[in-house]
Amino acid sequence: MTTTLTEPTVRADRDALLGLGLAPAQLADLGLWEVVTGTPDELREGYVRRSRKQDDLTNLRSHVRDLAFWARKEGVTLRHIWFEQQSASKSWVRRTEFDGACDAVLTGVSKGLAVWKTDRLSREGIGKVGVLLDEFDKRGASLVSVSEGLDSRKGGRLLFAILSERAREEAAEIAFPRHRRDQRAQG
């Protein structure tokens, strides 16, 4: 008996995109409805994240749209939009969607990862982002922050370092706002 592999008939991320409240017609307009084909050089991964369930989905839909517009402008195709609702500041939190997006790049399925903003990528600072940048560089892949106009293959590494550290500081301020205010008041 011979097993035949068939191509998928729908995008693997379709349910997640529909779950964000994007209609099929909107996804088609964004180039996110059809099954993706192409070489790794033509493909990119997209990653969107919200920290808390009560965060508005309107922002996430906007982030997906921005990623799609960026991809169209750059002449690349978003192979998969990875979405999760996890903290990016706690090292013990397992972010399976983030890991999936990175694995797709690290294994050569696509040539880059696009995020809406650096703080959506990680709030663990340059220790986490720097390793990722190094691994992507080894593979000729890029890390892109769409809203900040950064591309690691076009001189954005230093700014990624600074912004990832800023994201880590913001996470600390969010986690300990009263403690920080008290410290500042004492001088």
N, C-alpha and C. Protein backbone atom coordinates (compact mmCIF):
# COMPACT_ATOMS: atom_id res chain seq x y z
N MET A 1 0.84 -1.18 0.00
CA MET A 1 0.00 0.00 0.00
C MET A 1 0.89 1.24 0.00
N THR A 2 0.60 2.15 -0.87
CA THR A 2 1.37 3.39 -0.99
C THR A 2 0.59 4.53 -0.36
N THR A 3 1.30 5.33 0.44
CA THR A 3 0.68 6.50 1.06
C THR A 3 1.01 7.71 0.20
N THR A 4 0.00 8.46 -0.13
CA THR A 4 0.21 9.68 -0.92
C THR A 4 0.00 10.89 -0.01
N LEU A 5 0.94 11.79 -0.11
CA LEU A 5 0.81 13.04 0.65
C LEU A 5 0.05 14.05 -0.19
N THR A 6 -0.91 14.68 0.42
CA THR A 6 -1.65 15.70 -0.30
C THR A 6 -1.32 17.06 0.28
N GLU A 7 -1.39 18.05 -0.57
CA GLU A 7 -1.15 19.42 -0.12
C GLU A 7 -2.31 19.87 0.76
N PRO A 8 -2.04 20.72 1.75
CA PRO A 8 -3.13 21.22 2.57
C PRO A 8 -4.09 22.06 1.72
N THR A 9 -5.34 22.05 2.10
CA THR A 9 -6.33 22.82 1.35
C THR A 9 -6.64 24.16 2.00
N VAL A 10 -6.23 24.33 3.25
CA VAL A 10 -6.40 25.62 3.94
C VAL A 10 -5.11 25.95 4.67
N ARG A 11 -4.92 27.23 4.92
CA ARG A 11 -3.75 27.67 5.69
C ARG A 11 -3.83 27.09 7.10
N ALA A 12 -2.69 26.74 7.65
CA ALA A 12 -2.64 26.20 9.01
C ALA A 12 -3.06 27.23 10.05
N ASP A 13 -2.91 28.51 9.73
CA ASP A 13 -3.24 29.57 10.69
C ASP A 13 -4.63 30.16 10.47
N ARG A 14 -5.42 29.59 9.56
CA ARG A 14 -6.72 30.17 9.21
C ARG A 14 -7.65 30.29 10.42
N ASP A 15 -7.76 29.25 11.24
CA ASP A 15 -8.66 29.31 12.39
C ASP A 15 -8.25 30.40 13.37
N ALA A 16 -6.96 30.54 13.60
CA ALA A 16 -6.49 31.59 14.52
C ALA A 16 -6.81 32.97 13.96
N LEU A 17 -6.63 33.16 12.67
CA LEU A 17 -6.92 34.46 12.05
C LEU A 17 -8.41 34.76 12.09
N LEU A 18 -9.24 33.76 11.82
CA LEU A 18 -10.68 33.95 11.93
C LEU A 18 -11.08 34.23 13.38
N GLY A 19 -10.39 33.57 14.32
CA GLY A 19 -10.64 33.78 15.75
C GLY A 19 -10.32 35.19 16.22
N LEU A 20 -9.45 35.87 15.51
CA LEU A 20 -9.14 37.26 15.83
C LEU A 20 -10.22 38.21 15.33
N GLY A 21 -11.19 37.65 14.58
CA GLY A 21 -12.29 38.48 14.09
C GLY A 21 -12.08 39.01 12.68
N LEU A 22 -11.11 38.46 11.97
CA LEU A 22 -10.90 38.85 10.58
C LEU A 22 -11.80 37.99 9.70
N ALA A 23 -12.57 38.62 8.84
CA ALA A 23 -13.49 37.92 7.95
C ALA A 23 -12.72 37.30 6.78
N PRO A 24 -13.27 36.25 6.18
CA PRO A 24 -12.60 35.64 5.02
C PRO A 24 -12.25 36.65 3.92
N ALA A 25 -13.15 37.56 3.62
CA ALA A 25 -12.86 38.56 2.58
C ALA A 25 -11.69 39.45 3.00
N GLN A 26 -11.61 39.82 4.27
CA GLN A 26 -10.49 40.63 4.75
C GLN A 26 -9.18 39.84 4.62
N LEU A 27 -9.22 38.57 5.01
CA LEU A 27 -8.01 37.75 4.90
C LEU A 27 -7.57 37.60 3.44
N ALA A 28 -8.54 37.44 2.55
CA ALA A 28 -8.20 37.35 1.12
C ALA A 28 -7.55 38.65 0.64
N ASP A 29 -8.12 39.80 1.04
CA ASP A 29 -7.54 41.09 0.65
C ASP A 29 -6.12 41.26 1.17
N LEU A 30 -5.85 40.68 2.34
CA LEU A 30 -4.53 40.79 2.96
C LEU A 30 -3.55 39.73 2.44
N GLY A 31 -4.03 38.83 1.60
CA GLY A 31 -3.17 37.75 1.12
C GLY A 31 -2.97 36.66 2.14
N LEU A 32 -3.92 36.52 3.06
CA LEU A 32 -3.79 35.55 4.15
C LEU A 32 -4.88 34.47 4.12
N TRP A 33 -5.48 34.25 2.96
CA TRP A 33 -6.56 33.26 2.87
C TRP A 33 -6.10 31.98 2.20
N GLU A 34 -5.35 32.10 1.12
CA GLU A 34 -4.93 30.93 0.34
C GLU A 34 -3.74 30.23 1.00
N VAL A 35 -3.61 28.95 0.71
CA VAL A 35 -2.44 28.18 1.14
C VAL A 35 -1.21 28.79 0.47
N VAL A 36 -0.16 28.93 1.23
CA VAL A 36 1.04 29.61 0.76
C VAL A 36 2.00 28.62 0.10
N THR A 37 2.56 29.06 -1.02
CA THR A 37 3.63 28.31 -1.67
C THR A 37 4.76 29.30 -1.96
N GLY A 38 5.92 28.79 -2.11
CA GLY A 38 7.06 29.65 -2.42
C GLY A 38 8.34 29.08 -1.85
N THR A 39 9.43 29.68 -2.22
CA THR A 39 10.73 29.27 -1.69
C THR A 39 10.95 29.97 -0.35
N PRO A 40 11.83 29.45 0.48
CA PRO A 40 12.10 30.12 1.75
C PRO A 40 12.48 31.60 1.59
N ASP A 41 13.20 31.94 0.52
CA ASP A 41 13.57 33.34 0.30
C ASP A 41 12.35 34.24 0.11
N GLU A 42 11.25 33.67 -0.34
CA GLU A 42 10.03 34.44 -0.60
C GLU A 42 9.08 34.47 0.61
N LEU A 43 9.38 33.67 1.63
CA LEU A 43 8.45 33.49 2.75
C LEU A 43 8.97 34.11 4.05
N ARG A 44 8.04 34.59 4.84
CA ARG A 44 8.34 35.12 6.18
C ARG A 44 7.28 34.61 7.15
N GLU A 45 7.66 34.53 8.41
CA GLU A 45 6.73 34.20 9.48
C GLU A 45 6.27 35.51 10.10
N GLY A 46 5.04 35.55 10.58
CA GLY A 46 4.54 36.71 11.32
C GLY A 46 4.20 36.26 12.73
N TYR A 47 4.41 37.14 13.70
CA TYR A 47 4.12 36.79 15.09
C TYR A 47 3.39 37.95 15.75
N VAL A 48 2.22 37.66 16.33
CA VAL A 48 1.47 38.65 17.10
C VAL A 48 1.15 38.05 18.46
N ARG A 49 1.15 38.92 19.46
CA ARG A 49 0.96 38.46 20.84
C ARG A 49 0.18 39.49 21.63
N ARG A 50 -0.65 38.98 22.51
CA ARG A 50 -1.26 39.86 23.51
C ARG A 50 -0.96 39.26 24.87
N SER A 51 -0.74 40.13 25.83
CA SER A 51 -0.32 39.68 27.16
C SER A 51 -1.48 39.20 28.01
N ARG A 52 -2.62 39.86 27.86
CA ARG A 52 -3.76 39.53 28.72
C ARG A 52 -5.00 39.30 27.88
N LYS A 53 -5.83 38.39 28.35
CA LYS A 53 -7.04 38.06 27.61
C LYS A 53 -7.96 39.27 27.44
N GLN A 54 -7.94 40.19 28.40
CA GLN A 54 -8.83 41.36 28.32
C GLN A 54 -8.32 42.41 27.33
N ASP A 55 -7.11 42.25 26.80
CA ASP A 55 -6.62 43.18 25.77
C ASP A 55 -7.52 43.07 24.53
N ASP A 56 -7.79 44.18 23.93
CA ASP A 56 -8.71 44.28 22.80
C ASP A 56 -8.16 43.59 21.55
N LEU A 57 -9.00 42.79 20.90
CA LEU A 57 -8.60 42.13 19.66
C LEU A 57 -8.44 43.11 18.51
N THR A 58 -9.03 44.30 18.64
CA THR A 58 -8.90 45.30 17.58
C THR A 58 -7.43 45.61 17.31
N ASN A 59 -6.64 45.74 18.37
CA ASN A 59 -5.20 46.00 18.19
C ASN A 59 -4.51 44.86 17.46
N LEU A 60 -4.85 43.63 17.82
CA LEU A 60 -4.22 42.49 17.17
C LEU A 60 -4.59 42.42 15.69
N ARG A 61 -5.84 42.70 15.35
CA ARG A 61 -6.23 42.73 13.94
C ARG A 61 -5.43 43.80 13.20
N SER A 62 -5.24 44.93 13.84
CA SER A 62 -4.45 46.00 13.24
C SER A 62 -3.00 45.55 13.04
N HIS A 63 -2.45 44.82 14.00
CA HIS A 63 -1.08 44.32 13.88
C HIS A 63 -0.97 43.36 12.71
N VAL A 64 -1.96 42.46 12.56
CA VAL A 64 -1.96 41.52 11.44
C VAL A 64 -2.02 42.28 10.11
N ARG A 65 -2.87 43.28 10.05
CA ARG A 65 -2.97 44.09 8.82
C ARG A 65 -1.63 44.76 8.50
N ASP A 66 -1.01 45.34 9.51
CA ASP A 66 0.29 46.00 9.30
C ASP A 66 1.34 45.01 8.80
N LEU A 67 1.35 43.80 9.36
CA LEU A 67 2.30 42.78 8.90
C LEU A 67 2.03 42.44 7.43
N ALA A 68 0.76 42.30 7.08
CA ALA A 68 0.40 41.95 5.70
C ALA A 68 0.78 43.08 4.73
N PHE A 69 0.53 44.32 5.12
CA PHE A 69 0.90 45.45 4.25
C PHE A 69 2.42 45.52 4.08
N TRP A 70 3.14 45.29 5.17
CA TRP A 70 4.61 45.27 5.10
C TRP A 70 5.07 44.20 4.12
N ALA A 71 4.52 42.99 4.25
CA ALA A 71 4.94 41.88 3.38
C ALA A 71 4.68 42.22 1.91
N ARG A 72 3.52 42.79 1.64
CA ARG A 72 3.18 43.16 0.26
C ARG A 72 4.19 44.18 -0.26
N LYS A 73 4.50 45.19 0.57
CA LYS A 73 5.46 46.24 0.16
C LYS A 73 6.85 45.65 -0.10
N GLU A 74 7.24 44.67 0.70
CA GLU A 74 8.57 44.06 0.58
C GLU A 74 8.62 42.97 -0.50
N GLY A 75 7.46 42.59 -1.03
CA GLY A 75 7.43 41.56 -2.05
C GLY A 75 7.65 40.15 -1.52
N VAL A 76 7.27 39.94 -0.26
CA VAL A 76 7.38 38.61 0.35
C VAL A 76 5.98 38.15 0.77
N THR A 77 5.88 36.88 1.13
CA THR A 77 4.61 36.30 1.53
C THR A 77 4.69 35.83 2.98
N LEU A 78 3.67 36.17 3.74
CA LEU A 78 3.61 35.67 5.12
C LEU A 78 3.10 34.23 5.07
N ARG A 79 3.98 33.32 5.39
CA ARG A 79 3.65 31.89 5.34
C ARG A 79 2.68 31.51 6.44
N HIS A 80 2.88 32.10 7.62
CA HIS A 80 2.07 31.74 8.78
C HIS A 80 2.07 32.93 9.74
N ILE A 81 0.90 33.25 10.28
CA ILE A 81 0.81 34.23 11.36
C ILE A 81 0.66 33.44 12.65
N TRP A 82 1.61 33.56 13.51
CA TRP A 82 1.61 32.85 14.79
C TRP A 82 1.02 33.79 15.84
N PHE A 83 0.01 33.35 16.54
CA PHE A 83 -0.66 34.18 17.54
C PHE A 83 -0.68 33.45 18.87
N GLU A 84 -0.40 34.20 19.92
CA GLU A 84 -0.59 33.64 21.25
C GLU A 84 -0.88 34.72 22.27
N GLN A 85 -1.38 34.23 23.37
CA GLN A 85 -1.73 35.10 24.48
C GLN A 85 -0.87 34.65 25.66
N GLN A 86 0.33 35.19 25.72
CA GLN A 86 1.29 34.81 26.76
C GLN A 86 2.12 36.01 27.14
N SER A 87 2.63 35.97 28.34
CA SER A 87 3.59 36.98 28.77
C SER A 87 4.91 36.74 28.04
N ALA A 88 5.57 37.81 27.68
CA ALA A 88 6.89 37.69 27.05
C ALA A 88 7.99 38.10 28.01
N SER A 89 7.64 38.33 29.27
CA SER A 89 8.65 38.79 30.22
C SER A 89 9.07 37.73 31.22
N LYS A 90 8.34 36.65 31.28
CA LYS A 90 8.63 35.60 32.25
C LYS A 90 9.32 34.44 31.54
N SER A 91 10.54 34.16 31.93
CA SER A 91 11.32 33.13 31.24
C SER A 91 10.72 31.74 31.42
N TRP A 92 9.94 31.53 32.45
CA TRP A 92 9.36 30.21 32.69
C TRP A 92 8.09 29.96 31.88
N VAL A 93 7.55 30.99 31.23
CA VAL A 93 6.36 30.82 30.40
C VAL A 93 6.77 30.23 29.06
N ARG A 94 6.16 29.12 28.69
CA ARG A 94 6.45 28.46 27.42
C ARG A 94 5.59 29.09 26.33
N ARG A 95 6.23 29.73 25.38
CA ARG A 95 5.51 30.38 24.27
C ARG A 95 5.63 29.49 23.04
N THR A 96 4.71 28.55 22.90
CA THR A 96 4.79 27.56 21.84
C THR A 96 4.64 28.16 20.45
N GLU A 97 3.81 29.18 20.31
CA GLU A 97 3.65 29.81 19.00
C GLU A 97 4.91 30.59 18.61
N PHE A 98 5.49 31.30 19.57
CA PHE A 98 6.75 32.00 19.31
C PHE A 98 7.84 31.00 18.92
N ASP A 99 7.90 29.89 19.66
CA ASP A 99 8.88 28.86 19.34
C ASP A 99 8.65 28.30 17.94
N GLY A 100 7.38 28.11 17.57
CA GLY A 100 7.06 27.62 16.23
C GLY A 100 7.50 28.58 15.14
N ALA A 101 7.28 29.87 15.38
CA ALA A 101 7.69 30.88 14.41
C ALA A 101 9.22 30.87 14.25
N CYS A 102 9.92 30.84 15.36
CA CYS A 102 11.39 30.83 15.30
C CYS A 102 11.90 29.54 14.66
N ASP A 103 11.30 28.41 15.01
CA ASP A 103 11.72 27.14 14.42
C ASP A 103 11.57 27.13 12.91
N ALA A 104 10.49 27.74 12.41
CA ALA A 104 10.29 27.80 10.95
C ALA A 104 11.44 28.54 10.28
N VAL A 105 11.94 29.58 10.93
CA VAL A 105 13.07 30.34 10.37
C VAL A 105 14.37 29.55 10.56
N LEU A 106 14.56 29.01 11.75
CA LEU A 106 15.82 28.32 12.05
C LEU A 106 15.99 27.03 11.25
N THR A 107 14.90 26.41 10.84
CA THR A 107 14.99 25.19 10.04
C THR A 107 14.95 25.46 8.54
N GLY A 108 14.87 26.74 8.15
CA GLY A 108 14.95 27.10 6.75
C GLY A 108 13.64 27.07 5.98
N VAL A 109 12.51 26.96 6.69
CA VAL A 109 11.22 26.99 6.01
C VAL A 109 10.96 28.38 5.42
N SER A 110 11.38 29.40 6.15
CA SER A 110 11.26 30.78 5.67
C SER A 110 12.51 31.55 6.05
N LYS A 111 12.63 32.77 5.53
CA LYS A 111 13.86 33.55 5.73
C LYS A 111 13.71 34.72 6.67
N GLY A 112 12.68 34.70 7.52
CA GLY A 112 12.59 35.80 8.47
C GLY A 112 11.34 35.76 9.31
N LEU A 113 11.39 36.56 10.36
CA LEU A 113 10.29 36.70 11.30
C LEU A 113 9.94 38.18 11.40
N ALA A 114 8.66 38.48 11.20
CA ALA A 114 8.18 39.85 11.31
C ALA A 114 7.27 39.97 12.51
N VAL A 115 7.52 40.97 13.33
CA VAL A 115 6.68 41.28 14.48
C VAL A 115 6.19 42.71 14.32
N TRP A 116 5.13 43.05 15.05
CA TRP A 116 4.62 44.41 14.93
C TRP A 116 5.55 45.40 15.62
N LYS A 117 6.07 45.02 16.78
CA LYS A 117 6.94 45.89 17.56
C LYS A 117 7.86 45.02 18.40
N THR A 118 9.04 45.51 18.71
CA THR A 118 10.02 44.72 19.46
C THR A 118 9.47 44.20 20.77
N ASP A 119 8.66 44.99 21.48
CA ASP A 119 8.15 44.51 22.77
C ASP A 119 7.13 43.39 22.61
N ARG A 120 6.62 43.17 21.42
CA ARG A 120 5.73 42.03 21.16
C ARG A 120 6.55 40.76 20.97
N LEU A 121 7.80 40.91 20.61
CA LEU A 121 8.71 39.78 20.42
C LEU A 121 9.14 39.20 21.75
N SER A 122 9.70 40.05 22.60
CA SER A 122 10.21 39.59 23.89
C SER A 122 10.38 40.77 24.83
N ARG A 123 10.19 40.50 26.10
CA ARG A 123 10.48 41.49 27.13
C ARG A 123 11.59 40.97 28.05
N GLU A 124 12.39 40.06 27.51
CA GLU A 124 13.50 39.50 28.28
C GLU A 124 14.82 40.17 27.99
N GLY A 125 14.83 41.19 27.16
CA GLY A 125 16.04 41.95 26.92
C GLY A 125 16.93 41.37 25.85
N ILE A 126 18.11 41.95 25.74
CA ILE A 126 19.05 41.59 24.68
C ILE A 126 19.57 40.17 24.84
N GLY A 127 19.57 39.64 26.05
CA GLY A 127 20.01 38.26 26.24
C GLY A 127 19.22 37.29 25.38
N LYS A 128 17.94 37.49 25.30
CA LYS A 128 17.06 36.63 24.49
C LYS A 128 17.09 37.07 23.02
N VAL A 129 16.91 38.35 22.77
CA VAL A 129 16.83 38.85 21.40
C VAL A 129 18.19 38.74 20.70
N GLY A 130 19.27 38.96 21.41
CA GLY A 130 20.60 38.87 20.81
C GLY A 130 20.92 37.48 20.30
N VAL A 131 20.58 36.47 21.08
CA VAL A 131 20.80 35.08 20.65
C VAL A 131 19.98 34.80 19.38
N LEU A 132 18.74 35.26 19.38
CA LEU A 132 17.88 35.07 18.21
C LEU A 132 18.47 35.76 16.98
N LEU A 133 18.92 36.99 17.15
CA LEU A 133 19.55 37.71 16.04
C LEU A 133 20.77 36.97 15.50
N ASP A 134 21.60 36.46 16.40
CA ASP A 134 22.79 35.72 15.98
C ASP A 134 22.42 34.47 15.19
N GLU A 135 21.43 33.73 15.68
CA GLU A 135 21.00 32.51 14.99
C GLU A 135 20.39 32.82 13.63
N PHE A 136 19.61 33.87 13.56
CA PHE A 136 19.04 34.28 12.27
C PHE A 136 20.15 34.70 11.30
N ASP A 137 21.12 35.46 11.80
CA ASP A 137 22.24 35.90 10.94
C ASP A 137 22.98 34.72 10.34
N LYS A 138 23.22 33.68 11.14
CA LYS A 138 23.92 32.49 10.66
C LYS A 138 23.20 31.86 9.47
N ARG A 139 21.90 32.06 9.41
CA ARG A 139 21.08 31.44 8.37
C ARG A 139 20.68 32.42 7.27
N GLY A 140 21.21 33.64 7.34
CA GLY A 140 20.86 34.65 6.34
C GLY A 140 19.41 35.09 6.45
N ALA A 141 18.85 34.98 7.64
CA ALA A 141 17.44 35.34 7.88
C ALA A 141 17.37 36.68 8.60
N SER A 142 16.18 37.27 8.57
CA SER A 142 16.02 38.58 9.18
C SER A 142 14.96 38.58 10.27
N LEU A 143 15.12 39.52 11.17
CA LEU A 143 14.11 39.85 12.17
C LEU A 143 13.65 41.25 11.82
N VAL A 144 12.34 41.44 11.72
CA VAL A 144 11.78 42.72 11.31
C VAL A 144 10.76 43.19 12.33
N SER A 145 10.86 44.46 12.71
CA SER A 145 9.82 45.12 13.51
C SER A 145 9.13 46.11 12.58
N VAL A 146 7.91 45.77 12.20
CA VAL A 146 7.19 46.52 11.18
C VAL A 146 6.91 47.96 11.61
N SER A 147 6.38 48.16 12.81
CA SER A 147 5.99 49.51 13.24
C SER A 147 7.20 50.40 13.51
N GLU A 148 8.33 49.79 13.83
CA GLU A 148 9.53 50.57 14.15
C GLU A 148 10.46 50.70 12.94
N GLY A 149 10.11 50.06 11.84
CA GLY A 149 10.91 50.15 10.62
C GLY A 149 12.28 49.53 10.74
N LEU A 150 12.40 48.46 11.52
CA LEU A 150 13.70 47.82 11.74
C LEU A 150 13.80 46.51 10.98
N ASP A 151 14.96 46.26 10.42
CA ASP A 151 15.25 44.99 9.75
C ASP A 151 16.69 44.64 10.13
N SER A 152 16.86 43.48 10.76
CA SER A 152 18.20 43.11 11.23
C SER A 152 19.20 42.93 10.09
N ARG A 153 18.74 42.67 8.89
CA ARG A 153 19.63 42.50 7.75
C ARG A 153 19.96 43.84 7.09
N LYS A 154 19.33 44.91 7.57
CA LYS A 154 19.56 46.24 7.00
C LYS A 154 20.01 47.22 8.07
N GLY A 155 20.83 46.74 9.01
CA GLY A 155 21.42 47.63 10.00
C GLY A 155 20.59 47.89 11.24
N GLY A 156 19.58 47.07 11.52
CA GLY A 156 18.72 47.32 12.67
C GLY A 156 19.12 46.63 13.96
N ARG A 157 20.24 45.91 13.96
CA ARG A 157 20.63 45.13 15.15
C ARG A 157 20.81 45.99 16.40
N LEU A 158 21.50 47.10 16.29
CA LEU A 158 21.75 47.95 17.45
C LEU A 158 20.45 48.46 18.04
N LEU A 159 19.54 48.89 17.17
CA LEU A 159 18.25 49.38 17.67
C LEU A 159 17.43 48.26 18.28
N PHE A 160 17.51 47.05 17.73
CA PHE A 160 16.83 45.91 18.37
C PHE A 160 17.38 45.70 19.78
N ALA A 161 18.68 45.84 19.93
CA ALA A 161 19.29 45.68 21.26
C ALA A 161 18.75 46.71 22.24
N ILE A 162 18.74 47.95 21.82
CA ILE A 162 18.27 49.03 22.70
C ILE A 162 16.79 48.85 23.01
N LEU A 163 15.98 48.58 21.99
CA LEU A 163 14.54 48.46 22.20
C LEU A 163 14.18 47.22 23.00
N SER A 164 14.95 46.14 22.86
CA SER A 164 14.66 44.95 23.66
C SER A 164 14.97 45.20 25.13
N GLU A 165 16.00 45.98 25.40
CA GLU A 165 16.28 46.33 26.79
C GLU A 165 15.22 47.29 27.34
N ARG A 166 14.76 48.20 26.51
CA ARG A 166 13.67 49.10 26.92
C ARG A 166 12.40 48.30 27.22
N ALA A 167 12.10 47.30 26.41
CA ALA A 167 10.94 46.45 26.64
C ALA A 167 11.07 45.72 27.97
N ARG A 168 12.29 45.30 28.31
CA ARG A 168 12.51 44.62 29.60
C ARG A 168 12.26 45.58 30.75
N GLU A 169 12.73 46.82 30.61
CA GLU A 169 12.48 47.82 31.66
C GLU A 169 10.99 48.11 31.80
N GLU A 170 10.28 48.21 30.69
CA GLU A 170 8.83 48.44 30.74
C GLU A 170 8.12 47.31 31.47
N ALA A 171 8.56 46.07 31.22
CA ALA A 171 7.95 44.93 31.89
C ALA A 171 8.14 45.02 33.40
N ALA A 172 9.32 45.44 33.81
CA ALA A 172 9.58 45.60 35.25
C ALA A 172 8.71 46.71 35.83
N GLU A 173 8.52 47.78 35.08
CA GLU A 173 7.68 48.88 35.55
C GLU A 173 6.22 48.47 35.64
N ILE A 174 5.77 47.67 34.70
CA ILE A 174 4.39 47.18 34.72
C ILE A 174 4.19 46.25 35.91
N ALA A 175 5.17 45.39 36.16
CA ALA A 175 5.05 44.40 37.23
C ALA A 175 5.15 45.03 38.62
N PHE A 176 5.92 46.05 38.74
CA PHE A 176 6.15 46.66 40.05
C PHE A 176 5.93 48.17 40.04
N PRO A 177 4.76 48.64 39.60
CA PRO A 177 4.58 50.09 39.48
C PRO A 177 4.63 50.81 40.83
N ARG A 178 4.04 50.26 41.84
CA ARG A 178 4.04 50.92 43.14
C ARG A 178 5.45 50.96 43.72
N HIS A 179 6.16 49.85 43.61
CA HIS A 179 7.53 49.77 44.10
C HIS A 179 8.41 50.82 43.42
N ARG A 180 8.27 50.96 42.11
CA ARG A 180 9.05 51.96 41.37
C ARG A 180 8.69 53.38 41.79
N ARG A 181 7.40 53.66 41.95
CA ARG A 181 6.98 55.00 42.36
C ARG A 181 7.56 55.34 43.72
N ASP A 182 7.52 54.38 44.63
CA ASP A 182 8.05 54.62 45.98
C ASP A 182 9.54 54.88 45.93
N GLN A 183 10.26 54.14 45.11
CA GLN A 183 11.71 54.35 44.99
C GLN A 183 12.02 55.75 44.44
N ARG A 184 11.27 56.15 43.42
CA ARG A 184 11.50 57.48 42.82
C ARG A 184 11.19 58.58 43.81
N ALA A 185 10.16 58.41 44.61
CA ALA A 185 9.77 59.42 45.58
C ALA A 185 10.85 59.58 46.65
N GLN A 186 11.56 58.50 46.97
CA GLN A 186 12.61 58.57 47.99
C GLN A 186 13.91 59.15 47.44
N GLY A 187 13.99 59.26 46.14
CA GLY A 187 15.09 59.95 45.56
C GLY A 187 16.16 59.22 44.99
